């Protein structure tokens, strides 16, 4: 069994819309050092104000990989000028299944 780490990152700084969602996703990938993740826009609420937020999910992580991501969250918060980033780590049973060979695809 692996781990999924989910981060919810706001696009506002000091109550002002600041970051484009694409910038948040690119910065998260770079700072966290991940090669694969799922990101999607969601509505967030921080200290009484609505803001556009981004959910980033990194799946199928070994324990040490999940721990390494958690260790980098403070640097990500600094890079995006966020006071805090919400993080959830949970066990998963996610697997990445490679594509079929060309021969197997022809049979299907």
PDB file of N, CA and C in Angstrom:
ATOM      1  N   UNK A   1       0.843  -1.177   0.000  1.00  0.00           N
ATOM      2  CA  UNK A   1       0.000   0.000   0.000  1.00  0.00           C
ATOM      3  C   UNK A   1       0.886   1.237   0.000  1.00  0.00           C
ATOM      4  N   UNK A   2       0.466   2.253  -0.741  1.00  0.00           N
ATOM      5  CA  UNK A   2       1.220   3.496  -0.833  1.00  0.00           C
ATOM      6  C   UNK A   2       0.528   4.619  -0.097  1.00  0.00           C
ATOM      7  N   UNK A   3       0.865   5.818  -0.463  1.00  0.00           N
ATOM      8  CA  UNK A   3       0.319   7.023   0.153  1.00  0.00           C
ATOM      9  C   UNK A   3      -0.102   8.006  -0.920  1.00  0.00           C
ATOM     10  N   UNK A   4      -1.125   8.788  -0.598  1.00  0.00           N
ATOM     11  CA  UNK A   4      -1.483   9.945  -1.390  1.00  0.00           C
ATOM     12  C   UNK A   4      -1.297  11.171  -0.513  1.00  0.00           C
ATOM     13  N   UNK A   5      -0.653  12.188  -1.059  1.00  0.00           N
ATOM     14  CA  UNK A   5      -0.529  13.476  -0.387  1.00  0.00           C
ATOM     15  C   UNK A   5      -1.355  14.474  -1.196  1.00  0.00           C
ATOM     16  N   UNK A   6      -2.291  15.132  -0.519  1.00  0.00           N
ATOM     17  CA  UNK A   6      -3.147  16.140  -1.152  1.00  0.00           C
ATOM     18  C   UNK A   6      -2.888  17.484  -0.491  1.00  0.00           C
ATOM     19  N   UNK A   7      -2.619  18.487  -1.311  1.00  0.00           N
ATOM     20  CA  UNK A   7      -2.394  19.839  -0.822  1.00  0.00           C
ATOM     21  C   UNK A   7      -3.482  20.741  -1.376  1.00  0.00           C
ATOM     22  N   UNK A   8      -3.982  21.663  -0.557  1.00  0.00           N
ATOM     23  CA  UNK A   8      -4.904  22.687  -1.019  1.00  0.00           C
ATOM     24  C   UNK A   8      -4.184  24.015  -0.855  1.00  0.00           C
ATOM     25  N   UNK A   9      -4.000  24.712  -1.982  1.00  0.00           N
ATOM     26  CA  UNK A   9      -3.165  25.912  -2.026  1.00  0.00           C
ATOM     27  C   UNK A   9      -4.011  27.071  -2.541  1.00  0.00           C
ATOM     28  N   UNK A  10      -4.059  28.141  -1.782  1.00  0.00           N
ATOM     29  CA  UNK A  10      -4.808  29.317  -2.194  1.00  0.00           C
ATOM     30  C   UNK A  10      -4.083  30.117  -3.258  1.00  0.00           C
ATOM     31  N   UNK A  11      -4.855  30.846  -4.027  1.00  0.00           N
ATOM     32  CA  UNK A  11      -4.291  31.722  -5.068  1.00  0.00           C
ATOM     33  C   UNK A  11      -4.198  33.170  -4.607  1.00  0.00           C
ATOM     34  N   UNK A  12      -4.746  33.489  -3.425  1.00  0.00           N
ATOM     35  CA  UNK A  12      -4.697  34.850  -2.900  1.00  0.00           C
ATOM     36  C   UNK A  12      -3.464  35.025  -2.018  1.00  0.00           C
ATOM     37  N   UNK A  13      -3.021  36.263  -1.904  1.00  0.00           N
ATOM     38  CA  UNK A  13      -2.003  36.657  -0.938  1.00  0.00           C
ATOM     39  C   UNK A  13      -2.551  37.879  -0.218  1.00  0.00           C
ATOM     40  N   UNK A  14      -2.686  37.765   1.099  1.00  0.00           N
ATOM     41  CA  UNK A  14      -3.220  38.885   1.869  1.00  0.00           C
ATOM     42  C   UNK A  14      -4.612  39.301   1.441  1.00  0.00           C
ATOM     43  N   UNK A  15      -5.424  38.347   1.008  1.00  0.00           N
ATOM     44  CA  UNK A  15      -6.793  38.635   0.600  1.00  0.00           C
ATOM     45  C   UNK A  15      -6.940  39.129  -0.825  1.00  0.00           C
ATOM     46  N   UNK A  16      -5.832  39.256  -1.548  1.00  0.00           N
ATOM     47  CA  UNK A  16      -5.870  39.753  -2.922  1.00  0.00           C
ATOM     48  C   UNK A  16      -5.546  38.632  -3.900  1.00  0.00           C
ATOM     49  N   UNK A  17      -6.384  38.402  -4.911  1.00  0.00           N
ATOM     50  CA  UNK A  17      -6.049  37.396  -5.922  1.00  0.00           C
ATOM     51  C   UNK A  17      -4.687  37.736  -6.541  1.00  0.00           C
ATOM     52  N   UNK A  18      -3.768  36.785  -6.462  1.00  0.00           N
ATOM     53  CA  UNK A  18      -2.382  37.051  -6.863  1.00  0.00           C
ATOM     54  C   UNK A  18      -1.853  36.034  -7.862  1.00  0.00           C
ATOM     55  N   UNK A  19      -2.095  34.771  -7.606  1.00  0.00           N
ATOM     56  CA  UNK A  19      -1.492  33.721  -8.419  1.00  0.00           C
ATOM     57  C   UNK A  19      -2.474  33.144  -9.424  1.00  0.00           C
ATOM     58  N   UNK A  20      -2.023  32.996 -10.641  1.00  0.00           N
ATOM     59  CA  UNK A  20      -2.743  32.262 -11.664  1.00  0.00           C
ATOM     60  C   UNK A  20      -2.692  30.781 -11.289  1.00  0.00           C
ATOM     61  N   UNK A  21      -3.797  30.041 -11.433  1.00  0.00           N
ATOM     62  CA  UNK A  21      -3.763  28.616 -11.080  1.00  0.00           C
ATOM     63  C   UNK A  21      -2.635  27.837 -11.764  1.00  0.00           C
ATOM     64  N   UNK A  22      -2.346  28.147 -13.024  1.00  0.00           N
ATOM     65  CA  UNK A  22      -1.257  27.439 -13.716  1.00  0.00           C
ATOM     66  C   UNK A  22       0.082  27.690 -13.037  1.00  0.00           C
ATOM     67  N   UNK A  23       0.281  28.891 -12.525  1.00  0.00           N
ATOM     68  CA  UNK A  23       1.522  29.212 -11.812  1.00  0.00           C
ATOM     69  C   UNK A  23       1.622  28.405 -10.514  1.00  0.00           C
ATOM     70  N   UNK A  24       0.504  28.262  -9.812  1.00  0.00           N
ATOM     71  CA  UNK A  24       0.493  27.480  -8.568  1.00  0.00           C
ATOM     72  C   UNK A  24       0.871  26.030  -8.872  1.00  0.00           C
ATOM     73  N   UNK A  25       0.289  25.463  -9.926  1.00  0.00           N
ATOM     74  CA  UNK A  25       0.572  24.068 -10.289  1.00  0.00           C
ATOM     75  C   UNK A  25       2.037  23.901 -10.680  1.00  0.00           C
ATOM     76  N   UNK A  26       2.554  24.793 -11.520  1.00  0.00           N
ATOM     77  CA  UNK A  26       3.948  24.704 -11.958  1.00  0.00           C
ATOM     78  C   UNK A  26       4.894  24.847 -10.768  1.00  0.00           C
ATOM     79  N   UNK A  27       4.611  25.789  -9.874  1.00  0.00           N
ATOM     80  CA  UNK A  27       5.463  26.000  -8.708  1.00  0.00           C
ATOM     81  C   UNK A  27       5.414  24.787  -7.779  1.00  0.00           C
ATOM     82  N   UNK A  28       4.241  24.218  -7.584  1.00  0.00           N
ATOM     83  CA  UNK A  28       4.118  23.029  -6.736  1.00  0.00           C
ATOM     84  C   UNK A  28       4.949  21.879  -7.293  1.00  0.00           C
ATOM     85  N   UNK A  29       4.841  21.614  -8.580  1.00  0.00           N
ATOM     86  CA  UNK A  29       5.619  20.534  -9.177  1.00  0.00           C
ATOM     87  C   UNK A  29       7.112  20.739  -9.032  1.00  0.00           C
ATOM     88  N   UNK A  30       7.549  21.979  -9.255  1.00  0.00           N
ATOM     89  CA  UNK A  30       8.980  22.290  -9.183  1.00  0.00           C
ATOM     90  C   UNK A  30       9.508  22.199  -7.749  1.00  0.00           C
ATOM     91  N   UNK A  31       8.819  22.842  -6.814  1.00  0.00           N
ATOM     92  CA  UNK A  31       9.297  22.873  -5.429  1.00  0.00           C
ATOM     93  C   UNK A  31       9.198  21.503  -4.772  1.00  0.00           C
ATOM     94  N   UNK A  32       8.113  20.782  -5.041  1.00  0.00           N
ATOM     95  CA  UNK A  32       7.948  19.459  -4.433  1.00  0.00           C
ATOM     96  C   UNK A  32       8.808  18.405  -5.114  1.00  0.00           C
ATOM     97  N   UNK A  33       9.264  18.690  -6.326  1.00  0.00           N
ATOM     98  CA  UNK A  33      10.128  17.749  -7.039  1.00  0.00           C
ATOM     99  C   UNK A  33       9.401  16.506  -7.513  1.00  0.00           C
ATOM    100  N   UNK A  34       8.157  16.675  -7.941  1.00  0.00           N
ATOM    101  CA  UNK A  34       7.383  15.520  -8.405  1.00  0.00           C
ATOM    102  C   UNK A  34       7.272  15.534  -9.924  1.00  0.00           C
ATOM    103  N   UNK A  35       7.207  14.352 -10.494  1.00  0.00           N
ATOM    104  CA  UNK A  35       7.099  14.211 -11.945  1.00  0.00           C
ATOM    105  C   UNK A  35       5.669  13.990 -12.401  1.00  0.00           C
ATOM    106  N   UNK A  36       4.794  13.583 -11.488  1.00  0.00           N
ATOM    107  CA  UNK A  36       3.404  13.313 -11.847  1.00  0.00           C
ATOM    108  C   UNK A  36       2.503  13.736 -10.696  1.00  0.00           C
ATOM    109  N   UNK A  37       1.426  14.434 -11.038  1.00  0.00           N
ATOM    110  CA  UNK A  37       0.449  14.846 -10.037  1.00  0.00           C
ATOM    111  C   UNK A  37      -0.832  15.215 -10.762  1.00  0.00           C
ATOM    112  N   UNK A  38      -1.914  15.263 -10.010  1.00  0.00           N
ATOM    113  CA  UNK A  38      -3.186  15.725 -10.528  1.00  0.00           C
ATOM    114  C   UNK A  38      -3.504  17.031  -9.825  1.00  0.00           C
ATOM    115  N   UNK A  39      -3.928  18.022 -10.575  1.00  0.00           N
ATOM    116  CA  UNK A  39      -4.271  19.314  -9.980  1.00  0.00           C
ATOM    117  C   UNK A  39      -5.596  19.790 -10.559  1.00  0.00           C
ATOM    118  N   UNK A  40      -6.409  20.382  -9.711  1.00  0.00           N
ATOM    119  CA  UNK A  40      -7.673  20.931 -10.174  1.00  0.00           C
ATOM    120  C   UNK A  40      -8.075  22.119  -9.318  1.00  0.00           C
ATOM    121  N   UNK A  41      -8.839  22.999  -9.926  1.00  0.00           N
ATOM    122  CA  UNK A  41      -9.295  24.212  -9.271  1.00  0.00           C
ATOM    123  C   UNK A  41     -10.470  23.886  -8.355  1.00  0.00           C
ATOM    124  N   UNK A  42     -10.525  24.572  -7.220  1.00  0.00           N
ATOM    125  CA  UNK A  42     -11.646  24.417  -6.300  1.00  0.00           C
ATOM    126  C   UNK A  42     -11.896  25.749  -5.604  1.00  0.00           C
ATOM    127  N   UNK A  43     -12.992  25.833  -4.905  1.00  0.00           N
ATOM    128  CA  UNK A  43     -13.304  27.031  -4.130  1.00  0.00           C
ATOM    129  C   UNK A  43     -12.735  26.854  -2.727  1.00  0.00           C
ATOM    130  N   UNK A  44     -12.014  27.847  -2.267  1.00  0.00           N
ATOM    131  CA  UNK A  44     -11.454  27.801  -0.925  1.00  0.00           C
ATOM    132  C   UNK A  44     -12.015  28.918  -0.060  1.00  0.00           C
ATOM    133  N   UNK A  45     -11.767  28.803   1.226  1.00  0.00           N
ATOM    134  CA  UNK A  45     -12.218  29.800   2.183  1.00  0.00           C
ATOM    135  C   UNK A  45     -11.110  29.968   3.192  1.00  0.00           C
ATOM    136  N   UNK A  46     -10.596  31.181   3.328  1.00  0.00           N
ATOM    137  CA  UNK A  46      -9.493  31.425   4.253  1.00  0.00           C
ATOM    138  C   UNK A  46      -9.794  32.677   5.055  1.00  0.00           C
ATOM    139  N   UNK A  47      -9.904  32.508   6.359  1.00  0.00           N
ATOM    140  CA  UNK A  47     -10.139  33.613   7.281  1.00  0.00           C
ATOM    141  C   UNK A  47     -11.296  34.513   6.850  1.00  0.00           C
ATOM    142  N   UNK A  48     -12.397  33.852   6.497  1.00  0.00           N
ATOM    143  CA  UNK A  48     -13.617  34.584   6.178  1.00  0.00           C
ATOM    144  C   UNK A  48     -13.727  35.106   4.763  1.00  0.00           C
ATOM    145  N   UNK A  49     -12.765  34.755   3.893  1.00  0.00           N
ATOM    146  CA  UNK A  49     -12.816  35.230   2.511  1.00  0.00           C
ATOM    147  C   UNK A  49     -12.724  34.066   1.539  1.00  0.00           C
ATOM    148  N   UNK A  50     -13.566  34.123   0.508  1.00  0.00           N
ATOM    149  CA  UNK A  50     -13.514  33.109  -0.544  1.00  0.00           C
ATOM    150  C   UNK A  50     -12.302  33.366  -1.429  1.00  0.00           C
ATOM    151  N   UNK A  51     -11.723  32.303  -1.927  1.00  0.00           N
ATOM    152  CA  UNK A  51     -10.617  32.441  -2.866  1.00  0.00           C
ATOM    153  C   UNK A  51     -10.555  31.215  -3.765  1.00  0.00           C
ATOM    154  N   UNK A  52     -10.059  31.427  -4.971  1.00  0.00           N
ATOM    155  CA  UNK A  52      -9.767  30.301  -5.844  1.00  0.00           C
ATOM    156  C   UNK A  52      -8.606  29.543  -5.229  1.00  0.00           C
ATOM    157  N   UNK A  53      -8.722  28.227  -5.187  1.00  0.00           N
ATOM    158  CA  UNK A  53      -7.658  27.387  -4.648  1.00  0.00           C
ATOM    159  C   UNK A  53      -7.363  26.269  -5.635  1.00  0.00           C
ATOM    160  N   UNK A  54      -6.237  25.631  -5.434  1.00  0.00           N
ATOM    161  CA  UNK A  54      -5.816  24.514  -6.268  1.00  0.00           C
ATOM    162  C   UNK A  54      -5.586  23.312  -5.370  1.00  0.00           C
ATOM    163  N   UNK A  55      -6.165  22.169  -5.756  1.00  0.00           N
ATOM    164  CA  UNK A  55      -5.895  20.902  -5.062  1.00  0.00           C
ATOM    165  C   UNK A  55      -4.864  20.152  -5.890  1.00  0.00           C
ATOM    166  N   UNK A  56      -3.819  19.730  -5.233  1.00  0.00           N
ATOM    167  CA  UNK A  56      -2.755  18.963  -5.874  1.00  0.00           C
ATOM    168  C   UNK A  56      -2.702  17.609  -5.188  1.00  0.00           C
ATOM    169  N   UNK A  57      -2.813  16.542  -5.977  1.00  0.00           N
ATOM    170  CA  UNK A  57      -2.737  15.177  -5.440  1.00  0.00           C
ATOM    171  C   UNK A  57      -1.544  14.464  -6.052  1.00  0.00           C
ATOM    172  N   UNK A  58      -0.741  13.893  -5.180  1.00  0.00           N
ATOM    173  CA  UNK A  58       0.389  13.077  -5.616  1.00  0.00           C
ATOM    174  C   UNK A  58       0.145  11.688  -5.037  1.00  0.00           C
ATOM    175  N   UNK A  59       0.014  10.681  -5.922  1.00  0.00           N
ATOM    176  CA  UNK A  59      -0.422   9.346  -5.519  1.00  0.00           C
ATOM    177  C   UNK A  59       0.690   8.311  -5.675  1.00  0.00           C
ATOM    178  N   UNK A  60       0.430   7.141  -5.097  1.00  0.00           N
ATOM    179  CA  UNK A  60       1.292   5.960  -5.214  1.00  0.00           C
ATOM    180  C   UNK A  60       2.697   6.238  -4.703  1.00  0.00           C
ATOM    181  N   UNK A  61       2.770   6.915  -3.558  1.00  0.00           N
ATOM    182  CA  UNK A  61       4.059   7.262  -2.968  1.00  0.00           C
ATOM    183  C   UNK A  61       4.464   6.253  -1.903  1.00  0.00           C
ATOM    184  N   UNK A  62       5.724   5.935  -1.867  1.00  0.00           N
ATOM    185  CA  UNK A  62       6.264   5.163  -0.752  1.00  0.00           C
ATOM    186  C   UNK A  62       6.328   6.091   0.463  1.00  0.00           C
ATOM    187  N   UNK A  63       6.485   5.521   1.664  1.00  0.00           N
ATOM    188  CA  UNK A  63       6.504   6.331   2.884  1.00  0.00           C
ATOM    189  C   UNK A  63       7.561   7.429   2.827  1.00  0.00           C
ATOM    190  N   UNK A  64       8.762   7.090   2.358  1.00  0.00           N
ATOM    191  CA  UNK A  64       9.836   8.079   2.318  1.00  0.00           C
ATOM    192  C   UNK A  64       9.554   9.176   1.293  1.00  0.00           C
ATOM    193  N   UNK A  65       8.903   8.849   0.195  1.00  0.00           N
ATOM    194  CA  UNK A  65       8.548   9.849  -0.813  1.00  0.00           C
ATOM    195  C   UNK A  65       7.492  10.819  -0.268  1.00  0.00           C
ATOM    196  N   UNK A  66       6.505  10.274   0.448  1.00  0.00           N
ATOM    197  CA  UNK A  66       5.473  11.126   1.048  1.00  0.00           C
ATOM    198  C   UNK A  66       6.094  12.047   2.095  1.00  0.00           C
ATOM    199  N   UNK A  67       6.983  11.506   2.909  1.00  0.00           N
ATOM    200  CA  UNK A  67       7.649  12.312   3.932  1.00  0.00           C
ATOM    201  C   UNK A  67       8.479  13.423   3.298  1.00  0.00           C
ATOM    202  N   UNK A  68       9.138  13.128   2.184  1.00  0.00           N
ATOM    203  CA  UNK A  68       9.954  14.139   1.499  1.00  0.00           C
ATOM    204  C   UNK A  68       9.083  15.276   0.979  1.00  0.00           C
ATOM    205  N   UNK A  69       7.892  14.952   0.473  1.00  0.00           N
ATOM    206  CA  UNK A  69       6.971  15.998   0.005  1.00  0.00           C
ATOM    207  C   UNK A  69       6.530  16.863   1.184  1.00  0.00           C
ATOM    208  N   UNK A  70       6.158  16.222   2.284  1.00  0.00           N
ATOM    209  CA  UNK A  70       5.726  16.989   3.455  1.00  0.00           C
ATOM    210  C   UNK A  70       6.835  17.911   3.945  1.00  0.00           C
ATOM    211  N   UNK A  71       8.068  17.465   3.878  1.00  0.00           N
ATOM    212  CA  UNK A  71       9.198  18.294   4.301  1.00  0.00           C
ATOM    213  C   UNK A  71       9.365  19.532   3.426  1.00  0.00           C
ATOM    214  N   UNK A  72       8.887  19.476   2.166  1.00  0.00           N
ATOM    215  CA  UNK A  72       9.048  20.590   1.226  1.00  0.00           C
ATOM    216  C   UNK A  72       7.883  21.569   1.234  1.00  0.00           C
ATOM    217  N   UNK A  73       6.818  21.256   1.960  1.00  0.00           N
ATOM    218  CA  UNK A  73       5.643  22.131   1.966  1.00  0.00           C
ATOM    219  C   UNK A  73       5.969  23.527   2.507  1.00  0.00           C
ATOM    220  N   UNK A  74       6.759  23.681   3.570  1.00  0.00           N
ATOM    221  CA  UNK A  74       7.093  25.047   4.006  1.00  0.00           C
ATOM    222  C   UNK A  74       7.796  25.866   2.909  1.00  0.00           C
ATOM    223  N   UNK A  75       8.663  25.239   2.130  1.00  0.00           N
ATOM    224  CA  UNK A  75       9.333  25.947   1.026  1.00  0.00           C
ATOM    225  C   UNK A  75       8.319  26.334  -0.048  1.00  0.00           C
ATOM    226  N   UNK A  76       7.342  25.469  -0.305  1.00  0.00           N
ATOM    227  CA  UNK A  76       6.294  25.790  -1.277  1.00  0.00           C
ATOM    228  C   UNK A  76       5.457  26.965  -0.780  1.00  0.00           C
ATOM    229  N   UNK A  77       5.112  26.957   0.497  1.00  0.00           N
ATOM    230  CA  UNK A  77       4.347  28.071   1.063  1.00  0.00           C
ATOM    231  C   UNK A  77       5.129  29.381   0.922  1.00  0.00           C
ATOM    232  N   UNK A  78       6.420  29.333   1.159  1.00  0.00           N
ATOM    233  CA  UNK A  78       7.246  30.539   1.010  1.00  0.00           C
ATOM    234  C   UNK A  78       7.298  30.989  -0.442  1.00  0.00           C
ATOM    235  N   UNK A  79       7.441  30.042  -1.368  1.00  0.00           N
ATOM    236  CA  UNK A  79       7.533  30.382  -2.791  1.00  0.00           C
ATOM    237  C   UNK A  79       6.264  31.057  -3.300  1.00  0.00           C
ATOM    238  N   UNK A  80       5.121  30.700  -2.710  1.00  0.00           N
ATOM    239  CA  UNK A  80       3.835  31.265  -3.142  1.00  0.00           C
ATOM    240  C   UNK A  80       3.303  32.322  -2.168  1.00  0.00           C
ATOM    241  N   UNK A  81       4.114  32.682  -1.181  1.00  0.00           N
ATOM    242  CA  UNK A  81       3.751  33.697  -0.187  1.00  0.00           C
ATOM    243  C   UNK A  81       2.452  33.333   0.535  1.00  0.00           C
ATOM    244  N   UNK A  82       2.317  32.048   0.874  1.00  0.00           N
ATOM    245  CA  UNK A  82       1.142  31.559   1.599  1.00  0.00           C
ATOM    246  C   UNK A  82       1.483  31.419   3.080  1.00  0.00           C
ATOM    247  N   UNK A  83       0.550  31.814   3.950  1.00  0.00           N
ATOM    248  CA  UNK A  83       0.759  31.639   5.388  1.00  0.00           C
ATOM    249  C   UNK A  83       0.805  30.152   5.747  1.00  0.00           C
ATOM    250  N   UNK A  84      -0.098  29.389   5.144  1.00  0.00           N
ATOM    251  CA  UNK A  84      -0.204  27.955   5.404  1.00  0.00           C
ATOM    252  C   UNK A  84      -0.732  27.266   4.155  1.00  0.00           C
ATOM    253  N   UNK A  85      -0.453  25.976   4.063  1.00  0.00           N
ATOM    254  CA  UNK A  85      -1.010  25.123   3.011  1.00  0.00           C
ATOM    255  C   UNK A  85      -1.642  23.933   3.703  1.00  0.00           C
ATOM    256  N   UNK A  86      -2.891  23.640   3.355  1.00  0.00           N
ATOM    257  CA  UNK A  86      -3.560  22.475   3.941  1.00  0.00           C
ATOM    258  C   UNK A  86      -3.019  21.212   3.278  1.00  0.00           C
ATOM    259  N   UNK A  87      -2.655  20.230   4.105  1.00  0.00           N
ATOM    260  CA  UNK A  87      -2.062  18.994   3.601  1.00  0.00           C
ATOM    261  C   UNK A  87      -2.764  17.801   4.243  1.00  0.00           C
ATOM    262  N   UNK A  88      -3.051  16.813   3.419  1.00  0.00           N
ATOM    263  CA  UNK A  88      -3.602  15.544   3.907  1.00  0.00           C
ATOM    264  C   UNK A  88      -2.731  14.423   3.357  1.00  0.00           C
ATOM    265  N   UNK A  89      -2.335  13.507   4.234  1.00  0.00           N
ATOM    266  CA  UNK A  89      -1.605  12.304   3.817  1.00  0.00           C
ATOM    267  C   UNK A  89      -2.469  11.120   4.219  1.00  0.00           C
ATOM    268  N   UNK A  90      -2.729  10.240   3.241  1.00  0.00           N
ATOM    269  CA  UNK A  90      -3.566   9.076   3.550  1.00  0.00           C
ATOM    270  C   UNK A  90      -3.058   7.858   2.788  1.00  0.00           C
ATOM    271  N   UNK A  91      -3.309   6.678   3.337  1.00  0.00           N
ATOM    272  CA  UNK A  91      -2.928   5.455   2.622  1.00  0.00           C
ATOM    273  C   UNK A  91      -3.763   5.308   1.359  1.00  0.00           C
ATOM    274  N   UNK A  92      -3.177   4.726   0.338  1.00  0.00           N
ATOM    275  CA  UNK A  92      -3.920   4.495  -0.890  1.00  0.00           C
ATOM    276  C   UNK A  92      -3.591   3.122  -1.458  1.00  0.00           C
ATOM    277  N   UNK A  93      -4.352   2.742  -2.430  1.00  0.00           N
ATOM    278  CA  UNK A  93      -4.080   1.506  -3.171  1.00  0.00           C
ATOM    279  C   UNK A  93      -4.016   1.840  -4.661  1.00  0.00           C
ATOM    280  N   UNK A  94      -3.399   2.973  -4.955  1.00  0.00           N
ATOM    281  CA  UNK A  94      -3.282   3.478  -6.323  1.00  0.00           C
ATOM    282  C   UNK A  94      -2.115   2.787  -7.012  1.00  0.00           C
ATOM    283  N   UNK A  95      -2.304   2.471  -8.273  1.00  0.00           N
ATOM    284  CA  UNK A  95      -1.222   1.902  -9.086  1.00  0.00           C
ATOM    285  C   UNK A  95      -1.241   2.596 -10.438  1.00  0.00           C
ATOM    286  N   UNK A  96      -0.080   2.756 -11.022  1.00  0.00           N
ATOM    287  CA  UNK A  96       0.031   3.257 -12.383  1.00  0.00           C
ATOM    288  C   UNK A  96       0.213   2.046 -13.283  1.00  0.00           C
ATOM    289  N   UNK A  97      -0.686   1.873 -14.235  1.00  0.00           N
ATOM    290  CA  UNK A  97      -0.672   0.709 -15.117  1.00  0.00           C
ATOM    291  C   UNK A  97      -0.178   1.169 -16.476  1.00  0.00           C
ATOM    292  N   UNK A  98       0.908   0.561 -16.968  1.00  0.00           N
ATOM    293  CA  UNK A  98       1.451   1.000 -18.254  1.00  0.00           C
ATOM    294  C   UNK A  98       0.549   0.601 -19.416  1.00  0.00           C
ATOM    295  N   UNK A  99       0.721   1.313 -20.519  1.00  0.00           N
ATOM    296  CA  UNK A  99      -0.070   1.027 -21.716  1.00  0.00           C
ATOM    297  C   UNK A  99       0.289  -0.340 -22.274  1.00  0.00           C
ATOM    298  N   UNK A 100      -0.610  -0.899 -23.052  1.00  0.00           N
ATOM    299  CA  UNK A 100      -0.392  -2.198 -23.674  1.00  0.00           C
ATOM    300  C   UNK A 100       0.647  -2.056 -24.789  1.00  0.00           C
ATOM    301  N   UNK A 101       1.298  -3.152 -25.091  1.00  0.00           N
ATOM    302  CA  UNK A 101       2.192  -3.148 -26.233  1.00  0.00           C
ATOM    303  C   UNK A 101       1.336  -2.983 -27.484  1.00  0.00           C
ATOM    304  N   UNK A 102       1.953  -2.611 -28.571  1.00  0.00           N
ATOM    305  CA  UNK A 102       1.193  -2.427 -29.817  1.00  0.00           C
ATOM    306  C   UNK A 102       0.471  -3.713 -30.226  1.00  0.00           C
ATOM    307  N   UNK A 103       1.136  -4.878 -30.012  1.00  0.00           N
ATOM    308  CA  UNK A 103       0.503  -6.152 -30.367  1.00  0.00           C
ATOM    309  C   UNK A 103      -0.734  -6.411 -29.520  1.00  0.00           C
ATOM    310  N   UNK A 104      -0.631  -6.163 -28.219  1.00  0.00           N
ATOM    311  CA  UNK A 104      -1.763  -6.386 -27.333  1.00  0.00           C
ATOM    312  C   UNK A 104      -2.909  -5.420 -27.662  1.00  0.00           C
ATOM    313  N   UNK A 105      -2.584  -4.210 -28.045  1.00  0.00           N
ATOM    314  CA  UNK A 105      -3.601  -3.235 -28.389  1.00  0.00           C
ATOM    315  C   UNK A 105      -4.353  -3.638 -29.648  1.00  0.00           C
ATOM    316  N   UNK A 106      -3.640  -4.265 -30.602  1.00  0.00           N
ATOM    317  CA  UNK A 106      -4.289  -4.708 -31.833  1.00  0.00           C
ATOM    318  C   UNK A 106      -5.280  -5.818 -31.559  1.00  0.00           C
ATOM    319  N   UNK A 107      -4.993  -6.689 -30.600  1.00  0.00           N
ATOM    320  CA  UNK A 107      -5.894  -7.794 -30.249  1.00  0.00           C
ATOM    321  C   UNK A 107      -7.167  -7.253 -29.625  1.00  0.00           C
ATOM    322  N   UNK A 108      -7.038  -6.207 -28.815  1.00  0.00           N
ATOM    323  CA  UNK A 108      -8.215  -5.629 -28.140  1.00  0.00           C
ATOM    324  C   UNK A 108      -9.088  -4.992 -29.180  1.00  0.00           C
TER     325      UNK A 108
END
